[in-house]
Protein backbone atom coordinates (compact mmCIF):
# COMPACT_ATOMS: atom_id res chain seq x y z
CA UNK A 1 140.02 31.22 -65.20
CA UNK A 2 139.49 34.40 -67.44
CA UNK A 3 137.81 34.40 -70.77
CA UNK A 4 139.36 34.29 -73.71
CA UNK A 5 139.55 37.39 -76.35
CA UNK A 6 136.39 38.15 -77.73
CA UNK A 7 134.00 40.32 -79.63
CA UNK A 8 131.12 41.60 -78.00
CA UNK A 9 127.51 43.10 -79.64
CA UNK A 10 124.09 43.98 -78.13
CA UNK A 11 121.63 44.39 -80.67
CA UNK A 12 118.51 46.19 -80.49
CA UNK A 13 115.88 43.60 -82.45
CA UNK A 14 116.19 40.06 -83.83
CA UNK A 15 116.79 40.91 -87.11
CA UNK A 16 119.46 42.91 -86.14
CA UNK A 17 120.38 40.09 -83.78
CA UNK A 18 120.50 37.21 -87.65
CA UNK A 19 122.45 39.90 -89.27
CA UNK A 20 125.37 40.04 -86.47
CA UNK A 21 125.78 36.04 -86.26
CA UNK A 22 125.85 35.29 -89.57
CA UNK A 23 128.79 38.20 -89.78
CA UNK A 24 130.15 36.80 -86.86
CA UNK A 25 130.23 33.17 -88.83
CA UNK A 26 130.72 29.47 -87.45
CA UNK A 27 132.83 31.08 -84.23
CA UNK A 28 129.67 33.38 -83.30
CA UNK A 29 127.80 32.30 -79.98
CA UNK A 30 123.98 33.35 -79.13
CA UNK A 31 124.06 34.53 -74.96
CA UNK A 32 120.61 35.39 -72.92
CA UNK A 33 120.86 34.55 -69.26
CA UNK A 34 124.07 33.48 -69.69
CA UNK A 35 123.65 30.74 -67.34
CA UNK A 36 125.01 27.67 -69.55
CA UNK A 37 127.79 29.73 -71.96
CA UNK A 38 129.21 31.72 -69.20
CA UNK A 39 131.08 28.79 -66.99
CA UNK A 40 132.24 27.16 -70.60
CA UNK A 41 133.52 30.77 -71.70
CA UNK A 42 135.88 31.29 -68.08
CA UNK A 43 136.89 27.48 -68.08
CA UNK A 44 137.99 28.14 -71.73
CA UNK A 45 135.97 24.81 -73.29
CA UNK A 46 134.39 27.62 -75.41
CA UNK A 47 136.17 30.05 -77.77
CA UNK A 48 133.63 32.02 -79.50
CA UNK A 49 134.98 35.05 -81.33
CA UNK A 50 132.02 36.94 -81.10
CA UNK A 51 129.47 36.62 -78.44
CA UNK A 52 125.52 38.11 -79.64
CA UNK A 53 123.82 38.84 -76.84
CA UNK A 54 119.96 38.87 -76.72
CA UNK A 55 119.12 38.94 -73.45
CA UNK A 56 117.77 42.22 -74.25
CA UNK A 57 114.64 41.69 -76.42
CA UNK A 58 110.92 42.18 -75.78
CA UNK A 59 109.97 40.25 -78.97
CA UNK A 60 111.85 37.32 -77.44
CA UNK A 61 109.60 36.96 -74.08
CA UNK A 62 106.41 36.04 -72.54
CA UNK A 63 104.08 33.28 -73.40
CA UNK A 64 101.27 34.38 -76.20
CA UNK A 65 98.21 31.72 -76.93
CA UNK A 66 97.20 29.45 -80.61
CA UNK A 67 94.66 28.16 -79.50
CA UNK A 68 95.59 24.80 -79.29
CA UNK A 69 99.45 25.50 -78.51
CA UNK A 70 101.68 28.09 -76.56
CA UNK A 71 104.45 30.17 -78.29
CA UNK A 72 107.22 30.45 -75.65
CA UNK A 73 109.74 33.11 -76.18
CA UNK A 74 113.10 32.00 -75.97
CA UNK A 75 114.37 34.23 -73.83
CA UNK A 76 112.17 33.86 -71.42
CA UNK A 77 113.11 32.67 -67.71
CA UNK A 78 112.60 29.68 -65.96
CA UNK A 79 111.31 32.14 -63.32
CA UNK A 80 108.20 32.73 -65.49
CA UNK A 81 107.65 29.74 -66.46
CA UNK A 82 107.17 28.78 -62.96
CA UNK A 83 105.10 31.49 -62.86
CA UNK A 84 102.98 31.91 -66.20
CA UNK A 85 99.28 31.74 -65.90
CA UNK A 86 99.25 29.85 -69.34
CA UNK A 87 101.84 27.67 -68.92
CA UNK A 88 100.87 25.96 -65.61
CA UNK A 89 96.77 26.72 -66.42
CA UNK A 90 97.76 24.27 -70.04
CA UNK A 91 101.41 22.97 -69.49
CA UNK A 92 101.99 22.53 -65.78
CA UNK A 93 104.62 20.15 -66.64
CA UNK A 94 106.85 22.71 -68.35
CA UNK A 95 106.78 24.59 -65.24
CA UNK A 96 106.79 21.95 -62.75
CA UNK A 97 110.36 21.07 -64.43
CA UNK A 98 111.99 24.86 -64.87
CA UNK A 99 110.81 24.87 -60.46
CA UNK A 100 113.57 22.00 -60.26
CA UNK A 101 116.07 23.57 -62.56
CA UNK A 102 119.51 24.24 -60.27
CA UNK A 103 118.74 27.37 -56.98
CA UNK A 104 116.68 31.13 -57.63
CA UNK A 105 119.27 32.75 -59.11
CA UNK A 106 119.64 30.30 -62.18
CA UNK A 107 115.69 30.01 -62.39
CA UNK A 108 115.60 34.55 -62.96
CA UNK A 109 118.67 34.41 -65.50
CA UNK A 110 118.54 31.04 -67.36
CA UNK A 111 116.10 31.36 -70.31
CA UNK A 112 114.28 28.34 -72.15
CA UNK A 113 115.67 28.88 -75.28
CA UNK A 114 119.62 29.11 -74.17
CA UNK A 115 118.38 25.63 -72.17
CA UNK A 116 117.41 23.66 -75.24
CA UNK A 117 119.95 24.95 -77.17
CA UNK A 118 122.48 24.21 -75.37
CA UNK A 119 121.53 20.67 -74.92
CA UNK A 120 122.81 19.25 -72.69
CA UNK A 121 121.95 15.56 -72.16
CA UNK A 122 121.79 16.15 -67.94
CA UNK A 123 119.69 19.38 -68.32
CA UNK A 124 116.31 19.22 -67.09
CA UNK A 125 113.62 20.68 -69.86
CA UNK A 126 115.66 19.22 -73.31
CA UNK A 127 113.45 15.71 -71.73
CA UNK A 128 110.26 18.00 -71.42
CA UNK A 129 110.46 19.47 -74.85
CA UNK A 130 110.19 15.71 -75.99
CA UNK A 131 107.97 14.08 -73.99
CA UNK A 132 105.59 17.89 -74.89
CA UNK A 133 105.84 17.55 -79.03
CA UNK A 134 107.43 21.08 -79.35
CA UNK A 135 108.57 22.78 -81.93
CA UNK A 136 111.44 24.64 -82.44
CA UNK A 137 111.28 28.05 -84.50
CA UNK A 138 114.44 29.28 -85.37
CA UNK A 139 115.21 32.31 -87.85
CA UNK A 140 118.50 32.36 -89.81
CA UNK A 141 119.23 34.96 -92.89
CA UNK A 142 116.59 32.75 -95.15
CA UNK A 143 113.65 33.24 -92.87
CA UNK A 144 112.35 31.11 -90.37
CA UNK A 145 111.67 27.65 -90.26
CA UNK A 146 110.29 24.98 -87.71
CA UNK A 147 112.36 21.97 -86.48
CA UNK A 148 110.05 19.08 -84.01
CA UNK A 149 111.90 18.25 -81.19
CA UNK A 150 112.39 14.75 -82.44
CA UNK A 151 114.92 16.43 -85.26
CA UNK A 152 116.42 19.61 -82.94
CA UNK A 153 119.10 17.39 -80.61
CA UNK A 154 121.49 15.69 -82.36
CA UNK A 155 124.13 14.83 -80.82
CA UNK A 156 125.90 16.00 -77.32
CA UNK A 157 125.38 19.86 -75.89
CA UNK A 158 124.85 19.85 -80.82
CA UNK A 159 121.28 20.79 -82.03
CA UNK A 160 120.29 20.95 -86.03
CA UNK A 161 120.43 25.06 -85.04
CA UNK A 162 122.57 26.05 -87.87
CA UNK A 163 125.12 28.58 -88.44
CA UNK A 164 123.36 32.20 -88.22
CA UNK A 165 120.26 31.12 -86.74
CA UNK A 166 119.07 32.53 -83.25
CA UNK A 167 116.38 30.24 -81.75
CA UNK A 168 113.23 32.50 -81.00
CA UNK A 169 110.89 30.58 -79.59
CA UNK A 170 108.89 27.07 -78.72
CA UNK A 171 105.51 25.76 -79.68
CA UNK A 172 104.60 23.46 -76.90
CA UNK A 173 100.77 21.94 -77.49
CA UNK A 174 98.15 22.78 -74.92
CA UNK A 175 98.15 19.33 -72.79
CA UNK A 176 94.58 20.01 -71.11
CA UNK A 177 93.59 16.91 -69.52
CA UNK A 178 96.41 15.49 -68.88
CA UNK A 179 98.61 14.61 -65.49
CA UNK A 180 101.44 14.80 -65.84
CA UNK A 181 104.77 14.44 -63.27
CA UNK A 182 108.87 15.63 -63.60
CA UNK A 183 110.89 12.85 -61.86
CA UNK A 184 114.67 13.43 -60.40
CA UNK A 185 117.02 11.70 -58.74
CA UNK A 186 120.24 14.39 -57.77
CA UNK A 187 122.92 14.39 -55.33
CA UNK A 188 121.63 17.56 -54.14
CA UNK A 189 119.23 20.46 -54.97
CA UNK A 190 121.10 22.07 -56.99
CA UNK A 191 122.77 19.22 -59.08
CA UNK A 192 122.53 18.31 -62.47
CA UNK A 193 119.85 14.91 -62.79
CA UNK A 194 121.80 11.98 -62.61
CA UNK A 195 118.28 10.70 -64.20
CA UNK A 196 115.10 12.68 -64.79
CA UNK A 197 111.88 11.04 -66.33
CA UNK A 198 108.95 13.74 -67.52
CA UNK A 199 105.53 11.81 -67.84
CA UNK A 200 102.83 12.42 -69.50
CA UNK A 201 99.71 10.80 -69.06
CA UNK A 202 96.15 10.41 -70.76
CA UNK A 203 93.36 8.12 -69.05
CA UNK A 204 89.85 6.88 -70.62
CA UNK A 205 87.33 4.36 -68.96
CA UNK A 206 90.18 3.28 -66.05
CA UNK A 207 93.03 2.51 -68.87
CA UNK A 208 95.87 4.42 -70.12
CA UNK A 209 95.24 5.70 -73.75
CA UNK A 210 98.01 7.41 -74.30
CA UNK A 211 101.79 7.87 -72.46
CA UNK A 212 104.94 10.33 -73.67
CA UNK A 213 108.06 9.36 -71.16
CA UNK A 214 110.93 11.69 -71.97
CA UNK A 215 114.43 10.94 -70.25
CA UNK A 216 117.45 13.58 -69.21
CA UNK A 217 120.99 11.82 -69.21
CA UNK A 218 120.18 8.65 -70.43
CA UNK A 219 122.50 9.14 -73.89
CA UNK A 220 124.34 11.97 -75.73
CA UNK A 221 121.06 13.49 -76.80
CA UNK A 222 117.69 13.24 -74.62
CA UNK A 223 115.76 10.56 -75.62
CA UNK A 224 111.45 8.86 -75.11
CA UNK A 225 111.36 6.08 -73.47
CA UNK A 226 109.49 4.77 -76.90
CA UNK A 227 109.28 0.30 -75.34
CA UNK A 228 107.72 1.78 -71.87
CA UNK A 229 105.43 4.10 -74.02
CA UNK A 230 104.10 1.30 -75.48
CA UNK A 231 103.63 -0.84 -73.41
CA UNK A 232 101.65 2.25 -71.10
CA UNK A 233 98.91 2.43 -74.09
CA UNK A 234 96.19 0.90 -73.35
CA UNK A 235 97.34 -0.20 -69.62
CA UNK A 236 95.15 -0.45 -66.72
CA UNK A 237 95.89 2.55 -64.80
CA UNK A 238 97.45 0.88 -62.00
CA UNK A 239 100.62 1.02 -60.20
CA UNK A 240 101.28 -2.55 -61.02
CA UNK A 241 100.86 -2.19 -64.48
CA UNK A 242 102.41 1.36 -64.96
CA UNK A 243 105.83 -0.72 -62.92
CA UNK A 244 105.19 -3.18 -65.34
CA UNK A 245 105.65 -0.96 -68.31
CA UNK A 246 108.24 1.69 -66.70
CA UNK A 247 110.26 -1.87 -66.51
CA UNK A 248 111.50 -0.99 -70.68
CA UNK A 249 112.06 2.11 -69.56
CA UNK A 250 115.43 2.24 -70.07
CA UNK A 251 115.34 0.59 -74.02
CA UNK A 252 117.29 1.39 -76.30
CA UNK A 253 119.06 4.14 -74.46
CA UNK A 254 123.01 4.68 -73.65
CA UNK A 255 123.68 5.98 -70.39
CA UNK A 256 126.15 7.69 -69.95
CA UNK A 257 129.33 6.10 -66.95
CA UNK A 258 130.97 8.69 -64.88
CA UNK A 259 131.54 9.38 -61.47
CA UNK A 260 127.62 9.66 -60.62
CA UNK A 261 126.93 5.97 -61.46
CA UNK A 262 127.74 3.76 -63.81
CA UNK A 263 125.08 2.97 -67.16
CA UNK A 264 123.32 -0.22 -65.37
CA UNK A 265 123.08 2.28 -62.02
CA UNK A 266 120.95 4.77 -64.48
CA UNK A 267 119.37 2.45 -66.56
CA UNK A 268 117.52 1.03 -62.44
CA UNK A 269 117.09 4.53 -61.59
CA UNK A 270 115.31 5.29 -64.63
CA UNK A 271 112.62 2.02 -64.41
CA UNK A 272 112.37 3.06 -60.75
CA UNK A 273 111.29 7.22 -61.27
CA UNK A 274 109.39 5.86 -64.36
CA UNK A 275 107.04 4.12 -62.45
CA UNK A 276 107.00 7.14 -60.10
CA UNK A 277 106.52 9.26 -63.11
CA UNK A 278 103.60 7.11 -64.83
CA UNK A 279 101.80 6.13 -61.86
CA UNK A 280 101.45 10.55 -60.94
CA UNK A 281 100.66 11.50 -64.36
CA UNK A 282 97.78 8.74 -64.26
CA UNK A 283 96.85 10.44 -60.45
CA UNK A 284 97.30 6.57 -59.40
């Protein structure tokens, strides 16, 4: 199909992009890699009056070491996440999950900021951002503001970004010393996750000192498996103990039902995949 008519601008600076977006009103949209937005335009599921293309802004790309955390530009591609030494060395979960996104063509064009701002609960990286306790940085006409991942995803395909704001960066704490694993169940290598689990485990004295678990496609927004996290904390770092904690992974979730799986099926998958992810992250 052919998209509906829209205006297009490609600003040369971030400030110019913010200004253009503000002038465009609520119907203006940001585009970078276009891997989420372009299909919606072609299917006429989105009708922006203006596209503000930030794909050429080098200031929104790359990774910077901030000591205890990494600041990742919103226009950093999935391919760059997979191969950047700072990411692989200090935030391996993000690199591992990015490597499962779609196919090589999408990974070379799609961006971290685009994936998070699109806020598809079946996307891989929103659940990872939750598990990492990431912070989103947005710039609007009033300046910069920081939004914790726990408050960023508000509804299906909806975030707390305000009209006129551009997602400019994502700050993730370093997870040195943590084990990690992204487990994903999907029909084909390029398909959306039916269920995905992002797990982080910190061990101490043969026990799980702390666990973080983000769930993909278990509700209208990515969610943390809080009950499973609580059950895992303090448990023996063994498969049996972690399987018992994983049995609580679906508590408090509202998974969708569609052609790919009923809600009960997704709850079962969440338990199984969480058990696998926790065991791998704990190294048992």
